């Protein structure tokens, strides 16, 4: 059974921008192929509908915060491709099938990332982009799909508000 991740509103917006970056895995030992083939460009941003948490609404709006407000440990959860997700679902099914050679062959976070996370080159490109925008990358999780980063409210507004997203 997989557990859902909690993400911040800013991370959800960035998720829309980077959703196409995941790569397929064929087997537990295959290495995801890089998907980022050019520099990340703000002219190629997109917004995925349905990625705003329901509590982020006018009723709960308390107004703007100062641009200098520190926002620590925002989480960017990256999405696998449909093919990679299918491979993972098959592997999870095999973990629970006593006739499978993968029965109870649990993966470490590192092994999981090597097979079902983004390619290291893509994670480096995403981390590099965040840093180039003034954010601090606290940790790229070994599962290869979660990035912990920090910055200010002003940085979030400048990078992740709808006026910057097609």
C-alpha atoms as a PDB file:
ATOM      1  CA  UNK A   1       0.000   0.000   0.000  1.00  0.00           C
ATOM      2  CA  UNK A   2       1.325   3.436  -0.936  1.00  0.00           C
ATOM      3  CA  UNK A   3       0.977   6.464   1.304  1.00  0.00           C
ATOM      4  CA  UNK A   4      -0.064   9.915   0.017  1.00  0.00           C
ATOM      5  CA  UNK A   5       2.423  12.789   0.291  1.00  0.00           C
ATOM      6  CA  UNK A   6       1.506  16.180   1.714  1.00  0.00           C
ATOM      7  CA  UNK A   7       2.657  19.115  -0.374  1.00  0.00           C
ATOM      8  CA  UNK A   8       2.506  22.877  -0.002  1.00  0.00           C
ATOM      9  CA  UNK A   9       0.529  25.066  -2.414  1.00  0.00           C
ATOM     10  CA  UNK A  10       3.745  26.394  -3.949  1.00  0.00           C
ATOM     11  CA  UNK A  11       5.019  22.882  -4.498  1.00  0.00           C
ATOM     12  CA  UNK A  12       1.732  21.904  -6.149  1.00  0.00           C
ATOM     13  CA  UNK A  13       2.139  24.767  -8.616  1.00  0.00           C
ATOM     14  CA  UNK A  14       5.713  23.729  -9.337  1.00  0.00           C
ATOM     15  CA  UNK A  15       4.486  20.160  -9.715  1.00  0.00           C
ATOM     16  CA  UNK A  16       2.322  21.339 -12.595  1.00  0.00           C
ATOM     17  CA  UNK A  17       5.373  22.924 -14.157  1.00  0.00           C
ATOM     18  CA  UNK A  18       7.486  19.791 -13.810  1.00  0.00           C
ATOM     19  CA  UNK A  19       4.922  16.978 -14.124  1.00  0.00           C
ATOM     20  CA  UNK A  20       6.182  15.858 -17.500  1.00  0.00           C
ATOM     21  CA  UNK A  21       9.682  15.204 -16.168  1.00  0.00           C
ATOM     22  CA  UNK A  22       9.289  11.699 -14.761  1.00  0.00           C
ATOM     23  CA  UNK A  23      10.691   8.761 -16.681  1.00  0.00           C
ATOM     24  CA  UNK A  24       9.607   5.138 -17.069  1.00  0.00           C
ATOM     25  CA  UNK A  25      11.240   2.215 -15.303  1.00  0.00           C
ATOM     26  CA  UNK A  26      11.122  -1.251 -16.814  1.00  0.00           C
ATOM     27  CA  UNK A  27      12.364  -3.358 -13.960  1.00  0.00           C
ATOM     28  CA  UNK A  28      13.592  -2.907 -10.426  1.00  0.00           C
ATOM     29  CA  UNK A  29      17.159  -2.566 -11.699  1.00  0.00           C
ATOM     30  CA  UNK A  30      16.532  -0.256 -14.681  1.00  0.00           C
ATOM     31  CA  UNK A  31      17.723   3.313 -14.444  1.00  0.00           C
ATOM     32  CA  UNK A  32      15.214   6.051 -15.358  1.00  0.00           C
ATOM     33  CA  UNK A  33      16.203   7.914 -18.499  1.00  0.00           C
ATOM     34  CA  UNK A  34      16.662  11.703 -18.390  1.00  0.00           C
ATOM     35  CA  UNK A  35      13.648  13.634 -19.658  1.00  0.00           C
ATOM     36  CA  UNK A  36      14.887  17.201 -19.378  1.00  0.00           C
ATOM     37  CA  UNK A  37      16.560  17.867 -22.709  1.00  0.00           C
ATOM     38  CA  UNK A  38      16.884  21.667 -22.579  1.00  0.00           C
ATOM     39  CA  UNK A  39      17.281  24.395 -20.002  1.00  0.00           C
ATOM     40  CA  UNK A  40      14.175  24.980 -17.899  1.00  0.00           C
ATOM     41  CA  UNK A  41      12.450  28.022 -19.369  1.00  0.00           C
ATOM     42  CA  UNK A  42       9.836  30.226 -17.795  1.00  0.00           C
ATOM     43  CA  UNK A  43       8.266  30.589 -21.247  1.00  0.00           C
ATOM     44  CA  UNK A  44       7.311  26.886 -21.134  1.00  0.00           C
ATOM     45  CA  UNK A  45       5.464  26.745 -17.824  1.00  0.00           C
ATOM     46  CA  UNK A  46       2.040  25.189 -17.547  1.00  0.00           C
ATOM     47  CA  UNK A  47      -0.593  24.898 -14.872  1.00  0.00           C
ATOM     48  CA  UNK A  48      -2.270  21.560 -14.239  1.00  0.00           C
ATOM     49  CA  UNK A  49      -5.914  21.993 -13.226  1.00  0.00           C
ATOM     50  CA  UNK A  50      -7.066  20.329 -10.033  1.00  0.00           C
ATOM     51  CA  UNK A  51      -3.770  20.710  -8.172  1.00  0.00           C
ATOM     52  CA  UNK A  52      -4.837  23.331  -5.644  1.00  0.00           C
ATOM     53  CA  UNK A  53      -5.673  22.079  -2.195  1.00  0.00           C
ATOM     54  CA  UNK A  54      -9.362  22.673  -1.321  1.00  0.00           C
ATOM     55  CA  UNK A  55      -8.529  24.727   1.778  1.00  0.00           C
ATOM     56  CA  UNK A  56      -6.701  27.270  -0.410  1.00  0.00           C
ATOM     57  CA  UNK A  57      -9.798  29.368  -1.071  1.00  0.00           C
ATOM     58  CA  UNK A  58     -11.160  32.900  -0.512  1.00  0.00           C
ATOM     59  CA  UNK A  59     -12.857  31.901   2.751  1.00  0.00           C
ATOM     60  CA  UNK A  60      -9.506  30.964   4.277  1.00  0.00           C
ATOM     61  CA  UNK A  61      -7.513  33.838   2.740  1.00  0.00           C
ATOM     62  CA  UNK A  62      -5.925  35.905   5.507  1.00  0.00           C
ATOM     63  CA  UNK A  63      -4.285  38.382   3.125  1.00  0.00           C
ATOM     64  CA  UNK A  64      -0.778  38.836   1.850  1.00  0.00           C
ATOM     65  CA  UNK A  65       2.264  38.138   3.984  1.00  0.00           C
ATOM     66  CA  UNK A  66       5.485  40.140   3.739  1.00  0.00           C
ATOM     67  CA  UNK A  67       7.737  39.117   0.867  1.00  0.00           C
ATOM     68  CA  UNK A  68      10.467  38.496   3.441  1.00  0.00           C
ATOM     69  CA  UNK A  69       8.487  35.794   5.306  1.00  0.00           C
ATOM     70  CA  UNK A  70      10.599  32.608   5.355  1.00  0.00           C
ATOM     71  CA  UNK A  71       8.869  29.515   4.039  1.00  0.00           C
ATOM     72  CA  UNK A  72      10.826  26.540   5.290  1.00  0.00           C
ATOM     73  CA  UNK A  73      10.570  22.989   3.993  1.00  0.00           C
ATOM     74  CA  UNK A  74       8.237  23.302   1.052  1.00  0.00           C
ATOM     75  CA  UNK A  75       7.882  19.951  -0.663  1.00  0.00           C
ATOM     76  CA  UNK A  76       7.934  19.415  -4.377  1.00  0.00           C
ATOM     77  CA  UNK A  77       6.519  16.027  -5.257  1.00  0.00           C
ATOM     78  CA  UNK A  78       7.310  14.957  -8.801  1.00  0.00           C
ATOM     79  CA  UNK A  79       5.103  12.679 -10.854  1.00  0.00           C
ATOM     80  CA  UNK A  80       6.065   9.450 -12.554  1.00  0.00           C
ATOM     81  CA  UNK A  81       5.045   8.862 -16.153  1.00  0.00           C
ATOM     82  CA  UNK A  82       1.996   6.623 -16.682  1.00  0.00           C
ATOM     83  CA  UNK A  83       4.294   3.831 -17.906  1.00  0.00           C
ATOM     84  CA  UNK A  84       6.525   4.146 -14.846  1.00  0.00           C
ATOM     85  CA  UNK A  85       3.463   4.169 -12.585  1.00  0.00           C
ATOM     86  CA  UNK A  86       2.197   0.970 -14.234  1.00  0.00           C
ATOM     87  CA  UNK A  87       5.574  -0.696 -13.687  1.00  0.00           C
ATOM     88  CA  UNK A  88       5.457   0.310 -10.031  1.00  0.00           C
ATOM     89  CA  UNK A  89       1.902  -1.000  -9.635  1.00  0.00           C
ATOM     90  CA  UNK A  90       3.003  -4.330 -11.152  1.00  0.00           C
ATOM     91  CA  UNK A  91       5.977  -4.493  -8.805  1.00  0.00           C
ATOM     92  CA  UNK A  92       3.767  -3.775  -5.786  1.00  0.00           C
ATOM     93  CA  UNK A  93       1.406  -6.541  -6.873  1.00  0.00           C
ATOM     94  CA  UNK A  94       4.386  -8.903  -7.192  1.00  0.00           C
ATOM     95  CA  UNK A  95       5.527  -8.045  -3.683  1.00  0.00           C
ATOM     96  CA  UNK A  96       2.305  -9.595  -2.387  1.00  0.00           C
ATOM     97  CA  UNK A  97       2.143 -12.563  -4.771  1.00  0.00           C
ATOM     98  CA  UNK A  98       3.714 -15.637  -3.137  1.00  0.00           C
ATOM     99  CA  UNK A  99       4.390 -17.159  -6.581  1.00  0.00           C
ATOM    100  CA  UNK A 100       6.376 -14.128  -7.760  1.00  0.00           C
ATOM    101  CA  UNK A 101      10.181 -13.991  -7.567  1.00  0.00           C
ATOM    102  CA  UNK A 102       9.676 -10.469  -6.150  1.00  0.00           C
ATOM    103  CA  UNK A 103       7.514 -11.722  -3.267  1.00  0.00           C
ATOM    104  CA  UNK A 104       8.540  -9.722  -0.173  1.00  0.00           C
ATOM    105  CA  UNK A 105      11.607  -8.333  -1.996  1.00  0.00           C
ATOM    106  CA  UNK A 106      11.232  -4.895  -0.411  1.00  0.00           C
ATOM    107  CA  UNK A 107      13.238  -1.986  -1.764  1.00  0.00           C
ATOM    108  CA  UNK A 108      15.229   0.588   0.173  1.00  0.00           C
ATOM    109  CA  UNK A 109      14.433   4.237  -0.576  1.00  0.00           C
ATOM    110  CA  UNK A 110      17.586   4.378  -2.705  1.00  0.00           C
ATOM    111  CA  UNK A 111      16.622   1.282  -4.717  1.00  0.00           C
ATOM    112  CA  UNK A 112      13.123   2.665  -5.142  1.00  0.00           C
ATOM    113  CA  UNK A 113      14.529   5.948  -6.441  1.00  0.00           C
ATOM    114  CA  UNK A 114      16.889   4.177  -8.831  1.00  0.00           C
ATOM    115  CA  UNK A 115      13.965   2.321 -10.409  1.00  0.00           C
ATOM    116  CA  UNK A 116      10.921   4.544  -9.957  1.00  0.00           C
ATOM    117  CA  UNK A 117      12.252   8.042  -9.342  1.00  0.00           C
ATOM    118  CA  UNK A 118      13.489  10.651 -11.763  1.00  0.00           C
ATOM    119  CA  UNK A 119      16.856  10.323 -13.444  1.00  0.00           C
ATOM    120  CA  UNK A 120      19.669  11.894 -11.401  1.00  0.00           C
ATOM    121  CA  UNK A 121      20.275  14.368 -14.244  1.00  0.00           C
ATOM    122  CA  UNK A 122      16.664  15.553 -14.038  1.00  0.00           C
ATOM    123  CA  UNK A 123      16.825  15.916 -10.262  1.00  0.00           C
ATOM    124  CA  UNK A 124      20.011  17.946 -10.682  1.00  0.00           C
ATOM    125  CA  UNK A 125      18.332  20.172 -13.298  1.00  0.00           C
ATOM    126  CA  UNK A 126      15.317  20.764 -11.048  1.00  0.00           C
ATOM    127  CA  UNK A 127      17.522  21.478  -8.032  1.00  0.00           C
ATOM    128  CA  UNK A 128      19.639  23.791 -10.158  1.00  0.00           C
ATOM    129  CA  UNK A 129      16.577  25.682 -11.343  1.00  0.00           C
ATOM    130  CA  UNK A 130      15.308  26.119  -7.775  1.00  0.00           C
ATOM    131  CA  UNK A 131      18.727  27.415  -6.714  1.00  0.00           C
ATOM    132  CA  UNK A 132      18.886  29.758  -9.720  1.00  0.00           C
ATOM    133  CA  UNK A 133      15.607  31.274  -8.518  1.00  0.00           C
ATOM    134  CA  UNK A 134      17.098  31.927  -5.083  1.00  0.00           C
ATOM    135  CA  UNK A 135      15.571  28.945  -3.278  1.00  0.00           C
ATOM    136  CA  UNK A 136      17.608  26.673  -1.038  1.00  0.00           C
ATOM    137  CA  UNK A 137      17.395  22.966  -1.746  1.00  0.00           C
ATOM    138  CA  UNK A 138      17.431  21.286   1.654  1.00  0.00           C
ATOM    139  CA  UNK A 139      17.210  17.687   0.473  1.00  0.00           C
ATOM    140  CA  UNK A 140      16.468  15.593  -2.573  1.00  0.00           C
ATOM    141  CA  UNK A 141      14.947  12.480  -1.065  1.00  0.00           C
ATOM    142  CA  UNK A 142      16.472   9.150  -2.100  1.00  0.00           C
ATOM    143  CA  UNK A 143      13.109   8.003  -3.508  1.00  0.00           C
ATOM    144  CA  UNK A 144      13.797  10.313  -6.450  1.00  0.00           C
ATOM    145  CA  UNK A 145      10.417  12.067  -6.456  1.00  0.00           C
ATOM    146  CA  UNK A 146      10.490  14.455  -3.499  1.00  0.00           C
ATOM    147  CA  UNK A 147      12.486  17.676  -3.142  1.00  0.00           C
ATOM    148  CA  UNK A 148      12.534  19.721   0.095  1.00  0.00           C
ATOM    149  CA  UNK A 149      13.301  23.390  -0.504  1.00  0.00           C
ATOM    150  CA  UNK A 150      13.011  26.730   1.320  1.00  0.00           C
ATOM    151  CA  UNK A 151      12.744  30.378   0.373  1.00  0.00           C
ATOM    152  CA  UNK A 152      10.725  33.501   1.017  1.00  0.00           C
ATOM    153  CA  UNK A 153       7.100  34.315   0.277  1.00  0.00           C
ATOM    154  CA  UNK A 154       8.290  36.846  -2.292  1.00  0.00           C
ATOM    155  CA  UNK A 155      10.240  34.169  -4.167  1.00  0.00           C
ATOM    156  CA  UNK A 156       7.194  31.911  -4.155  1.00  0.00           C
ATOM    157  CA  UNK A 157       4.943  34.675  -5.473  1.00  0.00           C
ATOM    158  CA  UNK A 158       7.405  35.622  -8.225  1.00  0.00           C
ATOM    159  CA  UNK A 159       7.919  32.029  -9.366  1.00  0.00           C
ATOM    160  CA  UNK A 160       4.629  30.264  -8.734  1.00  0.00           C
ATOM    161  CA  UNK A 161       1.706  32.677  -9.082  1.00  0.00           C
ATOM    162  CA  UNK A 162      -0.700  32.191 -11.996  1.00  0.00           C
ATOM    163  CA  UNK A 163       0.486  35.274 -13.906  1.00  0.00           C
ATOM    164  CA  UNK A 164       3.725  33.392 -14.542  1.00  0.00           C
ATOM    165  CA  UNK A 165       1.983  30.196 -15.554  1.00  0.00           C
ATOM    166  CA  UNK A 166       0.277  29.638 -18.908  1.00  0.00           C
END
